[in-house]
Amino acid sequence: MCKRVAVIGAGSWGSILANILVMNGNKVCIWSRRKEQVDELNKQHTNHHYLSDFTYDQRLNASNDMSETLADATTVLFAVPTKAMRSVAADAAVILKEKKLKPIIVHASKGLELGTHKRISEIISEEIPEENREGIVALSGPSHAEEVAKKDITLVTAASENSTAAKNVQRLFMNNYFRVYTNTDIVGVELGAAFKNIIALGAGALHGLGYGDDAKAALMTRGLAEIARLGISLGADPLTFIGLSGVGDLIVTCTSIHSRNWRAGDQLGQGETLKNVVANMGMVIEGLSTTKAAYELAAQKKIEMPITTAIYQVLYEEKDIKQAISDLMQREGRSE
């Protein structure tokens, strides 16, 4: 059955997810603030700033009018950076109320809000009243837009406390190369998705410094242990961290050149300044703000996170990367 889906955010991930939805037989409108991007998507069916060599399905419509985008939508997918989520959700809430709509709300963003340390679903629930949403679903897992664009096999999780909403999202996105599992632990899925970006910064830095596979495997393993400790203290199910949105997302983000966080760490490891790394990336590096949020949360919860602390010190206290690694390696011995 054809559904009417609104996609808010036309970056690489939002636009590729929109394309999947169109190819799955749904009527989709994608929103962007930038008129030139909307015109490019509608006329050339490309999105060169984000995916330079991909042509979108001609049935995908784009608009810079959010009211037009949301009209009659039964599902709304948010795919904007974490720092923009609250303001964009608030704008959408006004329109949903005016139009008396109650869609399933899906988000495909990965991060924590600076200052409040809130998860994406918490931000959305605060900004969009319950009478204007059927449920909130987090769509997350080991996935890069560049590979989904090529129809590589990809598996993700649709997580929600509302199992009916999660199953509806599962049906909406699934096809022969994009498989979706459901999960009721939205806390763990969102935290795993956010925290793995911290470890990816470290993995990239190791590569930039010339370290080999042993070091990377050690970082990922011990990194998973500490982000799981923090996640569990915040209410996550421990098993979630060995699933797609936990270890799965961690592996792909720590090993792929498609990962902005890995690329940022790689440049830092090669001696580039953080200011230049951010300027050169051209897209949001979620791991930078997530490192700060996780470091602050760990302090509040009294959770030991040595890797996260070391990365925080490199990013925000200008600690030398090699010294940070040396300090980690010379910590007092202990049992695993």
C-alpha atoms as a PDB file:
ATOM      1  CA  MET A   1       0.000   0.000   0.000  1.00  0.00           C
ATOM      2  CA  CYS A   2       1.343   3.429  -0.975  1.00  0.00           C
ATOM      3  CA  LYS A   3       2.041   5.700   1.983  1.00  0.00           C
ATOM      4  CA  ARG A   4       2.565   9.460   2.082  1.00  0.00           C
ATOM      5  CA  VAL A   5       5.953  10.105   3.678  1.00  0.00           C
ATOM      6  CA  ALA A   6       7.632  13.410   4.531  1.00  0.00           C
ATOM      7  CA  VAL A   7      11.418  13.462   4.905  1.00  0.00           C
ATOM      8  CA  ILE A   8      12.835  16.430   6.801  1.00  0.00           C
ATOM      9  CA  GLY A   9      16.491  16.903   5.889  1.00  0.00           C
ATOM     10  CA  ALA A  10      18.125  16.364   2.500  1.00  0.00           C
ATOM     11  CA  GLY A  11      21.669  15.391   3.437  1.00  0.00           C
ATOM     12  CA  SER A  12      23.245  12.166   2.226  1.00  0.00           C
ATOM     13  CA  TRP A  13      21.379   9.864   4.623  1.00  0.00           C
ATOM     14  CA  GLY A  14      18.011  11.605   4.521  1.00  0.00           C
ATOM     15  CA  SER A  15      17.993  11.751   0.724  1.00  0.00           C
ATOM     16  CA  ILE A  16      19.008   8.099   0.288  1.00  0.00           C
ATOM     17  CA  LEU A  17      16.345   6.955   2.756  1.00  0.00           C
ATOM     18  CA  ALA A  18      13.837   9.068   0.826  1.00  0.00           C
ATOM     19  CA  ASN A  19      14.935   7.355  -2.365  1.00  0.00           C
ATOM     20  CA  ILE A  20      14.427   3.916  -0.793  1.00  0.00           C
ATOM     21  CA  LEU A  21      10.917   4.911   0.242  1.00  0.00           C
ATOM     22  CA  VAL A  22      10.091   6.069  -3.280  1.00  0.00           C
ATOM     23  CA  MET A  23      11.463   2.878  -4.822  1.00  0.00           C
ATOM     24  CA  ASN A  24       9.392   0.897  -2.313  1.00  0.00           C
ATOM     25  CA  GLY A  25       6.277   2.457  -3.873  1.00  0.00           C
ATOM     26  CA  ASN A  26       5.564   5.360  -1.527  1.00  0.00           C
ATOM     27  CA  LYS A  27       4.788   8.988  -2.303  1.00  0.00           C
ATOM     28  CA  VAL A  28       7.637  10.990  -0.796  1.00  0.00           C
ATOM     29  CA  CYS A  29       8.419  14.672  -0.411  1.00  0.00           C
ATOM     30  CA  ILE A  30      11.788  15.725   1.022  1.00  0.00           C
ATOM     31  CA  TRP A  31      12.387  19.099   2.672  1.00  0.00           C
ATOM     32  CA  SER A  32      15.469  21.296   2.616  1.00  0.00           C
ATOM     33  CA  ARG A  33      15.944  24.917   3.670  1.00  0.00           C
ATOM     34  CA  ARG A  34      18.091  25.546   0.605  1.00  0.00           C
ATOM     35  CA  LYS A  35      16.166  26.381  -2.558  1.00  0.00           C
ATOM     36  CA  GLU A  36      19.142  25.568  -4.781  1.00  0.00           C
ATOM     37  CA  GLN A  37      19.291  22.044  -3.334  1.00  0.00           C
ATOM     38  CA  VAL A  38      15.543  21.602  -3.835  1.00  0.00           C
ATOM     39  CA  ASP A  39      15.829  22.764  -7.448  1.00  0.00           C
ATOM     40  CA  GLU A  40      18.716  20.367  -8.089  1.00  0.00           C
ATOM     41  CA  LEU A  41      16.802  17.412  -6.668  1.00  0.00           C
ATOM     42  CA  ASN A  42      13.677  18.242  -8.670  1.00  0.00           C
ATOM     43  CA  LYS A  43      15.340  19.093 -11.977  1.00  0.00           C
ATOM     44  CA  GLN A  44      18.616  17.178 -12.164  1.00  0.00           C
ATOM     45  CA  HIS A  45      17.633  14.482  -9.637  1.00  0.00           C
ATOM     46  CA  THR A  46      21.060  14.819  -8.023  1.00  0.00           C
ATOM     47  CA  ASN A  47      22.435  16.026  -4.693  1.00  0.00           C
ATOM     48  CA  HIS A  48      26.059  16.663  -5.599  1.00  0.00           C
ATOM     49  CA  HIS A  49      27.243  18.212  -2.351  1.00  0.00           C
ATOM     50  CA  TYR A  50      26.434  14.991  -0.498  1.00  0.00           C
ATOM     51  CA  LEU A  51      26.486  12.196  -3.103  1.00  0.00           C
ATOM     52  CA  SER A  52      28.347  13.385  -6.168  1.00  0.00           C
ATOM     53  CA  ASP A  53      27.739  10.408  -8.447  1.00  0.00           C
ATOM     54  CA  PHE A  54      24.193   9.302  -7.623  1.00  0.00           C
ATOM     55  CA  THR A  55      20.960   9.899  -9.564  1.00  0.00           C
ATOM     56  CA  TYR A  56      17.726   9.843  -7.558  1.00  0.00           C
ATOM     57  CA  ASP A  57      14.412   8.346  -8.613  1.00  0.00           C
ATOM     58  CA  GLN A  58      12.527  10.944 -10.641  1.00  0.00           C
ATOM     59  CA  ARG A  59       9.409  10.354  -8.530  1.00  0.00           C
ATOM     60  CA  LEU A  60      11.104  11.910  -5.489  1.00  0.00           C
ATOM     61  CA  ASN A  61       9.762  15.421  -4.905  1.00  0.00           C
ATOM     62  CA  ALA A  62      11.632  18.106  -2.976  1.00  0.00           C
ATOM     63  CA  SER A  63      10.390  21.314  -1.372  1.00  0.00           C
ATOM     64  CA  ASN A  64      11.666  24.122   0.836  1.00  0.00           C
ATOM     65  CA  ASP A  65       8.131  24.633   2.157  1.00  0.00           C
ATOM     66  CA  MET A  66       7.737  22.466   5.260  1.00  0.00           C
ATOM     67  CA  SER A  67       3.971  22.828   5.241  1.00  0.00           C
ATOM     68  CA  GLU A  68       3.826  21.460   1.700  1.00  0.00           C
ATOM     69  CA  THR A  69       6.214  18.651   2.637  1.00  0.00           C
ATOM     70  CA  LEU A  70       4.162  17.556   5.641  1.00  0.00           C
ATOM     71  CA  ALA A  71       0.768  17.724   3.909  1.00  0.00           C
ATOM     72  CA  ASP A  72      -1.207  14.497   4.541  1.00  0.00           C
ATOM     73  CA  ALA A  73       1.916  12.636   5.697  1.00  0.00           C
ATOM     74  CA  THR A  74       1.279   9.378   7.556  1.00  0.00           C
ATOM     75  CA  THR A  75       4.980   9.072   8.403  1.00  0.00           C
ATOM     76  CA  VAL A  76       7.539  11.833   9.011  1.00  0.00           C
ATOM     77  CA  LEU A  77      11.246  11.005   8.890  1.00  0.00           C
ATOM     78  CA  PHE A  78      13.657  13.474  10.506  1.00  0.00           C
ATOM     79  CA  ALA A  79      17.235  13.285   9.188  1.00  0.00           C
ATOM     80  CA  VAL A  80      18.845  16.515  10.372  1.00  0.00           C
ATOM     81  CA  PRO A  81      21.933  17.063  12.559  1.00  0.00           C
ATOM     82  CA  THR A  82      21.380  16.724  16.292  1.00  0.00           C
ATOM     83  CA  LYS A  83      22.051  20.411  16.930  1.00  0.00           C
ATOM     84  CA  ALA A  84      19.191  21.335  14.563  1.00  0.00           C
ATOM     85  CA  MET A  85      16.701  18.711  15.733  1.00  0.00           C
ATOM     86  CA  ARG A  86      14.913  20.735  18.411  1.00  0.00           C
ATOM     87  CA  SER A  87      14.238  23.806  16.284  1.00  0.00           C
ATOM     88  CA  VAL A  88      13.216  21.765  13.223  1.00  0.00           C
ATOM     89  CA  ALA A  89      10.911  19.525  15.278  1.00  0.00           C
ATOM     90  CA  ALA A  90       9.329  22.617  16.839  1.00  0.00           C
ATOM     91  CA  ASP A  91       8.661  24.064  13.376  1.00  0.00           C
ATOM     92  CA  ALA A  92       7.109  20.770  12.257  1.00  0.00           C
ATOM     93  CA  ALA A  93       4.958  20.600  15.402  1.00  0.00           C
ATOM     94  CA  VAL A  94       3.240  23.886  14.542  1.00  0.00           C
ATOM     95  CA  ILE A  95       2.314  22.577  11.096  1.00  0.00           C
ATOM     96  CA  LEU A  96       1.189  19.149  12.348  1.00  0.00           C
ATOM     97  CA  LYS A  97      -1.104  20.874  14.842  1.00  0.00           C
ATOM     98  CA  GLU A  98      -2.529  23.224  12.200  1.00  0.00           C
ATOM     99  CA  LYS A  99      -3.204  20.336   9.832  1.00  0.00           C
ATOM    100  CA  LYS A 100      -4.452  18.054  12.640  1.00  0.00           C
ATOM    101  CA  LEU A 101      -2.035  15.327  11.610  1.00  0.00           C
ATOM    102  CA  LYS A 102      -0.849  12.410  13.750  1.00  0.00           C
ATOM    103  CA  PRO A 103       1.914  10.622  11.819  1.00  0.00           C
ATOM    104  CA  ILE A 104       4.468   8.080  12.960  1.00  0.00           C
ATOM    105  CA  ILE A 105       7.637  10.051  13.697  1.00  0.00           C
ATOM    106  CA  VAL A 106      10.908   8.412  12.631  1.00  0.00           C
ATOM    107  CA  HIS A 107      14.392   9.797  13.097  1.00  0.00           C
ATOM    108  CA  ALA A 108      17.674   8.676  11.548  1.00  0.00           C
ATOM    109  CA  SER A 109      20.017  11.012  13.438  1.00  0.00           C
ATOM    110  CA  LYS A 110      22.806   9.925  15.800  1.00  0.00           C
ATOM    111  CA  GLY A 111      23.852  12.134  18.681  1.00  0.00           C
ATOM    112  CA  LEU A 112      23.048  13.734  22.013  1.00  0.00           C
ATOM    113  CA  GLU A 113      21.962  17.323  22.562  1.00  0.00           C
ATOM    114  CA  LEU A 114      24.697  19.480  24.038  1.00  0.00           C
ATOM    115  CA  GLY A 115      23.852  20.912  27.435  1.00  0.00           C
ATOM    116  CA  THR A 116      20.815  18.729  28.117  1.00  0.00           C
ATOM    117  CA  HIS A 117      22.466  15.421  27.047  1.00  0.00           C
ATOM    118  CA  LYS A 118      19.054  14.328  25.773  1.00  0.00           C
ATOM    119  CA  ARG A 119      18.507  11.658  23.161  1.00  0.00           C
ATOM    120  CA  ILE A 120      16.840  12.485  19.837  1.00  0.00           C
ATOM    121  CA  SER A 121      13.545  10.812  20.752  1.00  0.00           C
ATOM    122  CA  GLU A 122      13.434  12.824  23.974  1.00  0.00           C
ATOM    123  CA  ILE A 123      13.897  16.061  22.026  1.00  0.00           C
ATOM    124  CA  ILE A 124      11.145  15.105  19.605  1.00  0.00           C
ATOM    125  CA  SER A 125       8.745  14.101  22.385  1.00  0.00           C
ATOM    126  CA  GLU A 126       9.280  17.472  24.048  1.00  0.00           C
ATOM    127  CA  GLU A 127       8.677  19.445  20.856  1.00  0.00           C
ATOM    128  CA  ILE A 128       5.892  17.453  19.151  1.00  0.00           C
ATOM    129  CA  PRO A 129       2.842  16.888  21.388  1.00  0.00           C
ATOM    130  CA  GLU A 130       1.526  13.360  21.822  1.00  0.00           C
ATOM    131  CA  GLU A 131      -1.711  14.271  20.033  1.00  0.00           C
ATOM    132  CA  ASN A 132       0.319  14.967  16.894  1.00  0.00           C
ATOM    133  CA  ARG A 133       2.392  11.791  16.766  1.00  0.00           C
ATOM    134  CA  GLU A 134       1.506   8.110  16.554  1.00  0.00           C
ATOM    135  CA  GLY A 135       4.824   6.951  17.980  1.00  0.00           C
ATOM    136  CA  ILE A 136       8.541   7.768  17.831  1.00  0.00           C
ATOM    137  CA  VAL A 137      10.879   5.342  16.089  1.00  0.00           C
ATOM    138  CA  ALA A 138      14.689   5.460  15.855  1.00  0.00           C
ATOM    139  CA  LEU A 139      16.057   3.996  12.618  1.00  0.00           C
ATOM    140  CA  SER A 140      19.673   3.073  13.247  1.00  0.00           C
ATOM    141  CA  GLY A 141      22.408   0.570  12.478  1.00  0.00           C
ATOM    142  CA  PRO A 142      25.585  -0.025  10.445  1.00  0.00           C
ATOM    143  CA  SER A 143      24.756   1.974   7.341  1.00  0.00           C
ATOM    144  CA  HIS A 144      26.443   4.438   5.012  1.00  0.00           C
ATOM    145  CA  ALA A 145      24.475   6.362   2.393  1.00  0.00           C
ATOM    146  CA  GLU A 146      27.203   5.721  -0.188  1.00  0.00           C
ATOM    147  CA  GLU A 147      26.770   1.947   0.117  1.00  0.00           C
ATOM    148  CA  VAL A 148      22.975   1.957   0.359  1.00  0.00           C
ATOM    149  CA  ALA A 149      22.992   4.038  -2.841  1.00  0.00           C
ATOM    150  CA  LYS A 150      24.739   1.094  -4.546  1.00  0.00           C
ATOM    151  CA  LYS A 151      22.129  -1.294  -3.099  1.00  0.00           C
ATOM    152  CA  ASP A 152      24.713  -3.046  -0.968  1.00  0.00           C
ATOM    153  CA  ILE A 153      23.181  -5.330   1.659  1.00  0.00           C
ATOM    154  CA  THR A 154      22.361  -3.231   4.729  1.00  0.00           C
ATOM    155  CA  LEU A 155      20.696  -4.203   8.018  1.00  0.00           C
ATOM    156  CA  VAL A 156      19.307  -1.676  10.496  1.00  0.00           C
ATOM    157  CA  THR A 157      17.008  -1.518  13.515  1.00  0.00           C
ATOM    158  CA  ALA A 158      13.688   0.284  13.983  1.00  0.00           C
ATOM    159  CA  ALA A 159      13.465   0.903  17.723  1.00  0.00           C
ATOM    160  CA  SER A 160      10.451   2.181  19.605  1.00  0.00           C
ATOM    161  CA  GLU A 161       8.502   1.690  22.820  1.00  0.00           C
ATOM    162  CA  ASN A 162       5.510   1.486  20.455  1.00  0.00           C
ATOM    163  CA  SER A 163       5.968  -1.919  18.810  1.00  0.00           C
ATOM    164  CA  THR A 164       3.186  -1.282  16.279  1.00  0.00           C
ATOM    165  CA  ALA A 165       4.915   1.878  15.069  1.00  0.00           C
ATOM    166  CA  ALA A 166       8.236   0.020  14.810  1.00  0.00           C
ATOM    167  CA  LYS A 167       6.646  -2.742  12.732  1.00  0.00           C
ATOM    168  CA  ASN A 168       5.020  -0.180  10.428  1.00  0.00           C
ATOM    169  CA  VAL A 169       8.407   1.452   9.858  1.00  0.00           C
ATOM    170  CA  GLN A 170       9.938  -1.973   9.264  1.00  0.00           C
ATOM    171  CA  ARG A 171       7.403  -2.663   6.491  1.00  0.00           C
ATOM    172  CA  LEU A 172       7.857   0.806   5.023  1.00  0.00           C
ATOM    173  CA  PHE A 173      11.627   0.511   4.500  1.00  0.00           C
ATOM    174  CA  MET A 174      12.315  -3.179   3.915  1.00  0.00           C
ATOM    175  CA  ASN A 175      13.277  -4.481   0.492  1.00  0.00           C
ATOM    176  CA  ASN A 176      15.704  -7.016  -1.003  1.00  0.00           C
ATOM    177  CA  TYR A 177      18.834  -5.090   0.023  1.00  0.00           C
ATOM    178  CA  PHE A 178      17.668  -3.017   3.011  1.00  0.00           C
ATOM    179  CA  ARG A 179      16.545  -5.225   5.890  1.00  0.00           C
ATOM    180  CA  VAL A 180      14.988  -3.816   9.068  1.00  0.00           C
ATOM    181  CA  TYR A 181      14.683  -5.478  12.475  1.00  0.00           C
ATOM    182  CA  THR A 182      12.526  -4.150  15.313  1.00  0.00           C
ATOM    183  CA  ASN A 183      13.628  -3.444  18.885  1.00  0.00           C
ATOM    184  CA  THR A 184      11.803  -2.044  21.913  1.00  0.00           C
ATOM    185  CA  ASP A 185      14.973  -0.634  23.534  1.00  0.00           C
ATOM    186  CA  ILE A 186      15.037   2.819  21.956  1.00  0.00           C
ATOM    187  CA  VAL A 187      17.265   4.063  24.797  1.00  0.00           C
ATOM    188  CA  GLY A 188      20.022   1.581  23.986  1.00  0.00           C
ATOM    189  CA  VAL A 189      19.685   1.989  20.230  1.00  0.00           C
ATOM    190  CA  GLU A 190      19.989   5.770  20.395  1.00  0.00           C
ATOM    191  CA  LEU A 191      22.877   5.699  22.869  1.00  0.00           C
ATOM    192  CA  GLY A 192      24.787   3.082  20.887  1.00  0.00           C
ATOM    193  CA  ALA A 193      24.305   5.119  17.724  1.00  0.00           C
ATOM    194  CA  ALA A 194      25.599   8.256  19.401  1.00  0.00           C
ATOM    195  CA  PHE A 195      28.489   6.886  21.452  1.00  0.00           C
ATOM    196  CA  LYS A 196      30.092   4.830  18.682  1.00  0.00           C
ATOM    197  CA  ASN A 197      31.053   8.077  16.931  1.00  0.00           C
ATOM    198  CA  ILE A 198      33.426   8.827  19.817  1.00  0.00           C
ATOM    199  CA  ILE A 199      35.293   5.563  19.311  1.00  0.00           C
ATOM    200  CA  ALA A 200      35.343   6.148  15.544  1.00  0.00           C
ATOM    201  CA  LEU A 201      37.274   9.383  16.120  1.00  0.00           C
ATOM    202  CA  GLY A 202      39.846   7.342  18.029  1.00  0.00           C
ATOM    203  CA  ALA A 203      39.991   4.622  15.371  1.00  0.00           C
ATOM    204  CA  GLY A 204      40.627   7.224  12.689  1.00  0.00           C
ATOM    205  CA  ALA A 205      43.363   8.812  14.801  1.00  0.00           C
ATOM    206  CA  LEU A 206      45.115   5.458  15.189  1.00  0.00           C
ATOM    207  CA  HIS A 207      45.068   5.028  11.420  1.00  0.00           C
ATOM    208  CA  GLY A 208      46.390   8.528  10.889  1.00  0.00           C
ATOM    209  CA  LEU A 209      49.223   7.803  13.306  1.00  0.00           C
ATOM    210  CA  GLY A 210      50.116   4.599  11.473  1.00  0.00           C
ATOM    211  CA  TYR A 211      48.981   2.001  14.020  1.00  0.00           C
ATOM    212  CA  GLY A 212      47.873  -1.415  12.782  1.00  0.00           C
ATOM    213  CA  ASP A 213      44.938  -3.775  13.183  1.00  0.00           C
ATOM    214  CA  ASP A 214      45.842  -4.924  16.702  1.00  0.00           C
ATOM    215  CA  ALA A 215      45.514  -1.393  18.050  1.00  0.00           C
ATOM    216  CA  LYS A 216      42.250  -0.772  16.210  1.00  0.00           C
ATOM    217  CA  ALA A 217      40.719  -4.026  17.474  1.00  0.00           C
ATOM    218  CA  ALA A 218      41.769  -3.167  21.021  1.00  0.00           C
ATOM    219  CA  LEU A 219      40.252   0.293  20.782  1.00  0.00           C
ATOM    220  CA  MET A 220      36.938  -0.983  19.410  1.00  0.00           C
ATOM    221  CA  THR A 221      36.662  -3.753  22.022  1.00  0.00           C
ATOM    222  CA  ARG A 222      37.499  -1.623  25.025  1.00  0.00           C
ATOM    223  CA  GLY A 223      35.555   1.281  23.535  1.00  0.00           C
ATOM    224  CA  LEU A 224      32.437  -0.872  23.299  1.00  0.00           C
ATOM    225  CA  ALA A 225      32.896  -1.916  26.929  1.00  0.00           C
ATOM    226  CA  GLU A 226      32.949   1.642  28.201  1.00  0.00           C
ATOM    227  CA  ILE A 227      30.105   2.997  26.074  1.00  0.00           C
ATOM    228  CA  ALA A 228      28.004   0.013  27.168  1.00  0.00           C
ATOM    229  CA  ARG A 229      28.778   0.846  30.829  1.00  0.00           C
ATOM    230  CA  LEU A 230      27.516   4.370  30.358  1.00  0.00           C
ATOM    231  CA  GLY A 231      24.534   3.250  28.306  1.00  0.00           C
ATOM    232  CA  ILE A 232      23.428   0.699  30.883  1.00  0.00           C
ATOM    233  CA  SER A 233      23.663   3.334  33.619  1.00  0.00           C
ATOM    234  CA  LEU A 234      21.250   5.439  31.548  1.00  0.00           C
ATOM    235  CA  GLY A 235      18.685   2.654  31.237  1.00  0.00           C
ATOM    236  CA  ALA A 236      19.756   0.703  28.148  1.00  0.00           C
ATOM    237  CA  ASP A 237      19.442  -3.069  27.795  1.00  0.00           C
ATOM    238  CA  PRO A 238      22.973  -4.572  27.824  1.00  0.00           C
ATOM    239  CA  LEU A 239      22.095  -6.881  24.912  1.00  0.00           C
ATOM    240  CA  THR A 240      21.417  -3.913  22.644  1.00  0.00           C
ATOM    241  CA  PHE A 241      25.132  -3.139  22.563  1.00  0.00           C
ATOM    242  CA  ILE A 242      25.912  -6.472  20.885  1.00  0.00           C
ATOM    243  CA  GLY A 243      23.257  -5.845  18.233  1.00  0.00           C
ATOM    244  CA  LEU A 244      23.142  -3.888  14.979  1.00  0.00           C
ATOM    245  CA  SER A 245      22.960  -0.465  16.625  1.00  0.00           C
ATOM    246  CA  GLY A 246      25.760  -1.377  19.037  1.00  0.00           C
ATOM    247  CA  VAL A 247      28.694  -3.463  17.862  1.00  0.00           C
ATOM    248  CA  GLY A 248      27.407  -3.465  14.272  1.00  0.00           C
ATOM    249  CA  ASP A 249      27.376   0.308  13.966  1.00  0.00           C
ATOM    250  CA  LEU A 250      30.651   0.526  15.893  1.00  0.00           C
ATOM    251  CA  ILE A 251      32.438  -1.771  13.427  1.00  0.00           C
ATOM    252  CA  VAL A 252      31.317   0.039  10.304  1.00  0.00           C
ATOM    253  CA  THR A 253      31.970   3.507  11.703  1.00  0.00           C
ATOM    254  CA  CYS A 254      35.428   2.586  12.982  1.00  0.00           C
ATOM    255  CA  THR A 255      36.577   0.946   9.744  1.00  0.00           C
ATOM    256  CA  SER A 256      35.030   2.846   6.856  1.00  0.00           C
ATOM    257  CA  ILE A 257      36.335   5.822   4.878  1.00  0.00           C
ATOM    258  CA  HIS A 258      32.690   6.828   4.473  1.00  0.00           C
ATOM    259  CA  SER A 259      32.545   7.718   8.173  1.00  0.00           C
ATOM    260  CA  ARG A 260      33.009  11.441   8.794  1.00  0.00           C
ATOM    261  CA  ASN A 261      34.077  10.695  12.349  1.00  0.00           C
ATOM    262  CA  TRP A 262      36.745   8.221  11.202  1.00  0.00           C
ATOM    263  CA  ARG A 263      37.984  10.686   8.582  1.00  0.00           C
ATOM    264  CA  ALA A 264      38.109  13.468  11.170  1.00  0.00           C
ATOM    265  CA  GLY A 265      40.153  11.287  13.530  1.00  0.00           C
ATOM    266  CA  ASP A 266      42.420  10.221  10.676  1.00  0.00           C
ATOM    267  CA  GLN A 267      43.216  13.863   9.889  1.00  0.00           C
ATOM    268  CA  LEU A 268      43.847  14.640  13.568  1.00  0.00           C
ATOM    269  CA  GLY A 269      46.192  11.676  13.741  1.00  0.00           C
ATOM    270  CA  GLN A 270      48.121  13.059  10.788  1.00  0.00           C
ATOM    271  CA  GLY A 271      48.633  16.333  12.644  1.00  0.00           C
ATOM    272  CA  GLU A 272      45.824  18.489  11.259  1.00  0.00           C
ATOM    273  CA  THR A 273      44.238  20.995  13.638  1.00  0.00           C
ATOM    274  CA  LEU A 274      40.671  20.418  14.808  1.00  0.00           C
ATOM    275  CA  LYS A 275      39.643  23.793  13.362  1.00  0.00           C
ATOM    276  CA  ASN A 276      40.862  22.803   9.907  1.00  0.00           C
ATOM    277  CA  VAL A 277      39.326  19.334  10.135  1.00  0.00           C
ATOM    278  CA  VAL A 278      35.893  20.842  10.839  1.00  0.00           C
ATOM    279  CA  ALA A 279      36.304  23.440   8.079  1.00  0.00           C
ATOM    280  CA  ASN A 280      37.398  20.870   5.506  1.00  0.00           C
ATOM    281  CA  MET A 281      34.727  18.248   6.242  1.00  0.00           C
ATOM    282  CA  GLY A 282      31.828  20.303   4.889  1.00  0.00           C
ATOM    283  CA  MET A 283      29.350  18.193   6.884  1.00  0.00           C
ATOM    284  CA  VAL A 284      28.535  17.766  10.575  1.00  0.00           C
ATOM    285  CA  ILE A 285      30.937  15.593  12.614  1.00  0.00           C
ATOM    286  CA  GLU A 286      28.541  14.345  15.293  1.00  0.00           C
ATOM    287  CA  GLY A 287      31.282  12.679  17.342  1.00  0.00           C
ATOM    288  CA  LEU A 288      32.773  16.010  18.395  1.00  0.00           C
ATOM    289  CA  SER A 289      29.752  17.165  20.382  1.00  0.00           C
ATOM    290  CA  THR A 290      28.898  13.612  21.477  1.00  0.00           C
ATOM    291  CA  THR A 291      32.353  13.241  23.048  1.00  0.00           C
ATOM    292  CA  LYS A 292      31.676  16.303  25.192  1.00  0.00           C
ATOM    293  CA  ALA A 293      28.197  15.080  26.156  1.00  0.00           C
ATOM    294  CA  ALA A 294      29.432  11.578  27.033  1.00  0.00           C
ATOM    295  CA  TYR A 295      32.357  12.960  29.049  1.00  0.00           C
ATOM    296  CA  GLU A 296      29.971  15.123  31.080  1.00  0.00           C
ATOM    297  CA  LEU A 297      27.474  12.289  31.547  1.00  0.00           C
ATOM    298  CA  ALA A 298      30.218   9.915  32.696  1.00  0.00           C
ATOM    299  CA  ALA A 299      31.317  12.456  35.293  1.00  0.00           C
ATOM    300  CA  GLN A 300      27.743  12.835  36.535  1.00  0.00           C
ATOM    301  CA  LYS A 301      27.206   9.069  36.717  1.00  0.00           C
ATOM    302  CA  LYS A 302      30.719   8.371  38.039  1.00  0.00           C
ATOM    303  CA  ILE A 303      31.326   5.941  35.175  1.00  0.00           C
ATOM    304  CA  GLU A 304      34.952   5.271  34.236  1.00  0.00           C
ATOM    305  CA  MET A 305      35.501   5.948  30.511  1.00  0.00           C
ATOM    306  CA  PRO A 306      39.251   6.254  29.899  1.00  0.00           C
ATOM    307  CA  ILE A 307      39.091   6.206  26.100  1.00  0.00           C
ATOM    308  CA  THR A 308      36.338   8.799  25.954  1.00  0.00           C
ATOM    309  CA  THR A 309      38.244  10.929  28.469  1.00  0.00           C
ATOM    310  CA  ALA A 310      41.415  10.731  26.385  1.00  0.00           C
ATOM    311  CA  ILE A 311      39.563  11.735  23.210  1.00  0.00           C
ATOM    312  CA  TYR A 312      37.873  14.585  25.090  1.00  0.00           C
ATOM    313  CA  GLN A 313      41.270  15.830  26.274  1.00  0.00           C
ATOM    314  CA  VAL A 314      42.622  15.787  22.719  1.00  0.00           C
ATOM    315  CA  LEU A 315      39.594  17.614  21.304  1.00  0.00           C
ATOM    316  CA  TYR A 316      38.871  20.133  24.052  1.00  0.00           C
ATOM    317  CA  GLU A 317      42.063  20.453  26.093  1.00  0.00           C
ATOM    318  CA  GLU A 318      44.600  20.297  23.241  1.00  0.00           C
ATOM    319  CA  LYS A 319      46.342  17.258  24.674  1.00  0.00           C
ATOM    320  CA  ASP A 320      48.869  15.647  22.338  1.00  0.00           C
ATOM    321  CA  ILE A 321      47.392  12.495  20.758  1.00  0.00           C
ATOM    322  CA  LYS A 322      50.553  10.438  21.234  1.00  0.00           C
ATOM    323  CA  GLN A 323      50.700  11.428  24.895  1.00  0.00           C
ATOM    324  CA  ALA A 324      47.025  10.511  25.321  1.00  0.00           C
ATOM    325  CA  ILE A 325      47.707   7.038  23.888  1.00  0.00           C
ATOM    326  CA  SER A 326      50.792   6.604  26.072  1.00  0.00           C
ATOM    327  CA  ASP A 327      48.815   7.545  29.179  1.00  0.00           C
ATOM    328  CA  LEU A 328      46.082   5.021  28.301  1.00  0.00           C
ATOM    329  CA  MET A 329      48.608   2.236  27.812  1.00  0.00           C
ATOM    330  CA  GLN A 330      50.360   2.954  31.117  1.00  0.00           C
ATOM    331  CA  ARG A 331      47.251   2.903  33.275  1.00  0.00           C
ATOM    332  CA  GLU A 332      47.370   0.489  36.207  1.00  0.00           C
ATOM    333  CA  GLY A 333      46.844  -3.134  35.206  1.00  0.00           C
ATOM    334  CA  ARG A 334      43.473  -4.721  35.932  1.00  0.00           C
ATOM    335  CA  SER A 335      41.258  -7.674  35.004  1.00  0.00           C
ATOM    336  CA  GLU A 336      39.070  -7.535  31.914  1.00  0.00           C
END
